[in-house]
């Protein structure tokens, strides 16, 4: 038995004067790669969105429709277009005041002093009524055309000549 120095503590958290070996000061080693489940590379290039949420995809459909109409109606640049998940209910007191009217797919808020006009498209009611992305794009465009027609006081066919043909 060698007794040339003070006994060393087996505790690695003990102060350096008592530790068996000094702790390295560099970066900590990476953890073991067990079962080949280590860090993986990117699945897609950085420019490609991996997954867009349903709300983002729906917002893009509305934006595409608005851009299509703005080419024909430049005054729509002054109008705000919003996407809301669901329409607000007028009766918040209880089920006895619920109405039998159908759920709206969109709405218009006329311009007021200091606030531009606003066209609203309700995402969930539109999504529920469609099965595919193509159907959804058509219905979104119809809703936007109908709301813009109401805002401008025109028939939907005059806002977009292709309205109702698809």
Protein backbone atom coordinates (compact mmCIF):
# COMPACT_ATOMS: atom_id res chain seq x y z
CA UNK A 1 0.00 0.00 0.00
CA UNK A 2 1.38 3.34 -1.03
CA UNK A 3 0.92 6.09 1.55
CA UNK A 4 2.94 8.78 -0.15
CA UNK A 5 0.17 11.34 -0.15
CA UNK A 6 -3.23 12.21 1.26
CA UNK A 7 -6.00 9.74 0.49
CA UNK A 8 -7.88 10.57 -2.69
CA UNK A 9 -11.64 10.85 -2.81
CA UNK A 10 -13.48 8.65 -5.32
CA UNK A 11 -16.09 11.45 -5.67
CA UNK A 12 -15.60 13.22 -9.04
CA UNK A 13 -17.38 16.33 -7.68
CA UNK A 14 -14.93 16.78 -4.84
CA UNK A 15 -12.65 19.84 -4.97
CA UNK A 16 -9.59 19.47 -7.19
CA UNK A 17 -7.27 19.12 -4.24
CA UNK A 18 -9.02 15.90 -3.29
CA UNK A 19 -10.04 14.59 -6.75
CA UNK A 20 -8.25 11.67 -8.34
CA UNK A 21 -7.57 13.55 -11.59
CA UNK A 22 -8.07 17.16 -12.62
CA UNK A 23 -11.19 17.73 -14.74
CA UNK A 24 -10.66 18.68 -18.37
CA UNK A 25 -11.44 22.31 -19.17
CA UNK A 26 -12.29 21.80 -22.85
CA UNK A 27 -15.69 21.03 -24.37
CA UNK A 28 -17.54 18.05 -23.01
CA UNK A 29 -17.49 14.95 -25.15
CA UNK A 30 -20.65 14.19 -27.08
CA UNK A 31 -22.94 11.51 -25.80
CA UNK A 32 -22.76 8.08 -27.26
CA UNK A 33 -24.61 7.38 -30.48
CA UNK A 34 -26.64 4.40 -29.37
CA UNK A 35 -28.29 2.24 -32.01
CA UNK A 36 -27.39 4.63 -34.81
CA UNK A 37 -29.88 7.25 -33.63
CA UNK A 38 -27.48 10.14 -33.54
CA UNK A 39 -27.77 13.56 -35.04
CA UNK A 40 -29.27 13.43 -38.48
CA UNK A 41 -28.84 15.81 -41.34
CA UNK A 42 -31.59 17.99 -42.76
CA UNK A 43 -34.45 16.22 -44.48
CA UNK A 44 -34.84 18.91 -47.12
CA UNK A 45 -32.79 21.89 -48.34
CA UNK A 46 -33.22 25.07 -46.27
CA UNK A 47 -35.22 26.81 -49.05
CA UNK A 48 -37.95 24.17 -49.00
CA UNK A 49 -40.60 24.49 -46.29
CA UNK A 50 -40.82 21.15 -44.52
CA UNK A 51 -44.43 21.52 -43.55
CA UNK A 52 -46.79 24.43 -43.62
CA UNK A 53 -49.68 24.46 -41.19
CA UNK A 54 -53.23 24.24 -42.49
CA UNK A 55 -53.73 27.86 -41.49
CA UNK A 56 -50.67 28.93 -43.51
CA UNK A 57 -51.80 26.97 -46.57
CA UNK A 58 -55.30 28.47 -46.27
CA UNK A 59 -53.84 31.97 -45.93
CA UNK A 60 -51.86 31.37 -49.12
CA UNK A 61 -55.06 30.36 -50.94
CA UNK A 62 -56.75 33.59 -49.84
CA UNK A 63 -53.70 35.63 -50.84
CA UNK A 64 -53.63 34.01 -54.30
CA UNK A 65 -57.30 34.82 -54.79
CA UNK A 66 -56.82 38.43 -53.67
CA UNK A 67 -53.84 38.92 -55.98
CA UNK A 68 -55.89 37.53 -58.86
CA UNK A 69 -58.66 40.06 -58.17
CA UNK A 70 -56.33 43.02 -57.51
CA UNK A 71 -55.11 42.84 -61.12
CA UNK A 72 -58.66 43.61 -62.25
CA UNK A 73 -59.68 45.84 -59.33
CA UNK A 74 -56.72 48.01 -58.17
CA UNK A 75 -58.87 49.67 -55.47
CA UNK A 76 -58.72 46.40 -53.53
CA UNK A 77 -55.19 47.38 -52.47
CA UNK A 78 -56.91 49.62 -49.89
CA UNK A 79 -58.94 46.71 -48.45
CA UNK A 80 -57.71 44.47 -45.63
CA UNK A 81 -58.21 40.73 -46.10
CA UNK A 82 -58.29 38.58 -42.97
CA UNK A 83 -58.49 34.88 -42.26
CA UNK A 84 -60.21 33.91 -39.02
CA UNK A 85 -60.71 30.37 -37.82
CA UNK A 86 -64.44 30.63 -37.10
CA UNK A 87 -67.08 33.36 -37.09
CA UNK A 88 -67.96 34.94 -33.77
CA UNK A 89 -71.38 34.13 -32.42
CA UNK A 90 -73.72 37.00 -31.71
CA UNK A 91 -75.31 35.25 -28.74
CA UNK A 92 -72.89 34.47 -25.96
CA UNK A 93 -75.57 33.96 -23.30
CA UNK A 94 -76.49 30.37 -24.05
CA UNK A 95 -77.97 27.86 -26.46
CA UNK A 96 -81.48 29.27 -26.16
CA UNK A 97 -80.36 32.23 -28.26
CA UNK A 98 -78.56 30.28 -30.97
CA UNK A 99 -79.85 30.85 -34.47
CA UNK A 100 -80.74 28.35 -37.16
CA UNK A 101 -78.90 30.34 -39.84
CA UNK A 102 -76.06 28.59 -41.69
CA UNK A 103 -72.48 29.25 -40.66
CA UNK A 104 -71.04 32.03 -42.86
CA UNK A 105 -67.96 31.34 -44.96
CA UNK A 106 -66.95 34.99 -45.07
CA UNK A 107 -67.98 38.50 -44.19
CA UNK A 108 -67.41 42.18 -44.92
CA UNK A 109 -66.70 44.99 -42.49
CA UNK A 110 -67.31 48.34 -44.23
CA UNK A 111 -64.74 51.12 -44.00
CA UNK A 112 -65.11 53.59 -41.16
CA UNK A 113 -63.32 56.76 -40.16
CA UNK A 114 -59.62 55.88 -39.96
CA UNK A 115 -60.15 52.18 -40.68
CA UNK A 116 -60.17 50.52 -44.13
CA UNK A 117 -62.80 48.07 -45.27
CA UNK A 118 -62.12 44.47 -44.36
CA UNK A 119 -63.01 41.17 -46.04
CA UNK A 120 -62.95 38.16 -43.72
CA UNK A 121 -62.76 34.51 -44.77
CA UNK A 122 -63.50 31.88 -42.12
CA UNK A 123 -61.07 28.99 -42.42
CA UNK A 124 -62.76 26.11 -40.57
CA UNK A 125 -66.21 26.38 -42.23
CA UNK A 126 -64.52 26.40 -45.66
CA UNK A 127 -62.25 23.47 -44.79
CA UNK A 128 -65.16 21.40 -43.51
CA UNK A 129 -67.08 21.87 -46.77
CA UNK A 130 -64.20 20.76 -49.01
CA UNK A 131 -62.32 17.49 -49.43
CA UNK A 132 -59.28 18.39 -51.53
CA UNK A 133 -56.91 21.32 -51.92
CA UNK A 134 -58.34 22.06 -55.38
CA UNK A 135 -61.92 22.18 -54.05
CA UNK A 136 -60.73 24.38 -51.20
CA UNK A 137 -58.99 26.79 -53.60
CA UNK A 138 -62.17 27.09 -55.70
CA UNK A 139 -64.38 27.68 -52.67
CA UNK A 140 -61.97 30.22 -51.17
CA UNK A 141 -61.95 32.14 -54.45
CA UNK A 142 -65.76 32.07 -54.64
CA UNK A 143 -66.04 33.37 -51.06
CA UNK A 144 -63.52 36.16 -51.72
CA UNK A 145 -65.30 37.14 -54.96
CA UNK A 146 -68.71 37.19 -53.22
CA UNK A 147 -67.43 39.34 -50.36
CA UNK A 148 -65.63 41.75 -52.70
CA UNK A 149 -68.80 42.00 -54.80
CA UNK A 150 -70.79 42.86 -51.69
CA UNK A 151 -68.21 45.45 -50.69
CA UNK A 152 -68.17 47.08 -54.14
CA UNK A 153 -71.94 46.78 -54.63
CA UNK A 154 -71.57 44.68 -57.76
CA UNK A 155 -72.62 41.23 -58.93
CA UNK A 156 -70.02 38.49 -58.35
CA UNK A 157 -69.96 37.81 -62.13
CA UNK A 158 -68.80 41.38 -62.79
CA UNK A 159 -66.07 41.14 -60.14
CA UNK A 160 -64.70 37.93 -61.69
CA UNK A 161 -66.13 36.86 -65.07
CA UNK A 162 -65.16 33.23 -64.32
CA UNK A 163 -67.23 33.19 -61.11
CA UNK A 164 -69.40 30.06 -60.91
CA UNK A 165 -67.88 28.44 -64.00
CA UNK A 166 -65.51 26.09 -62.20
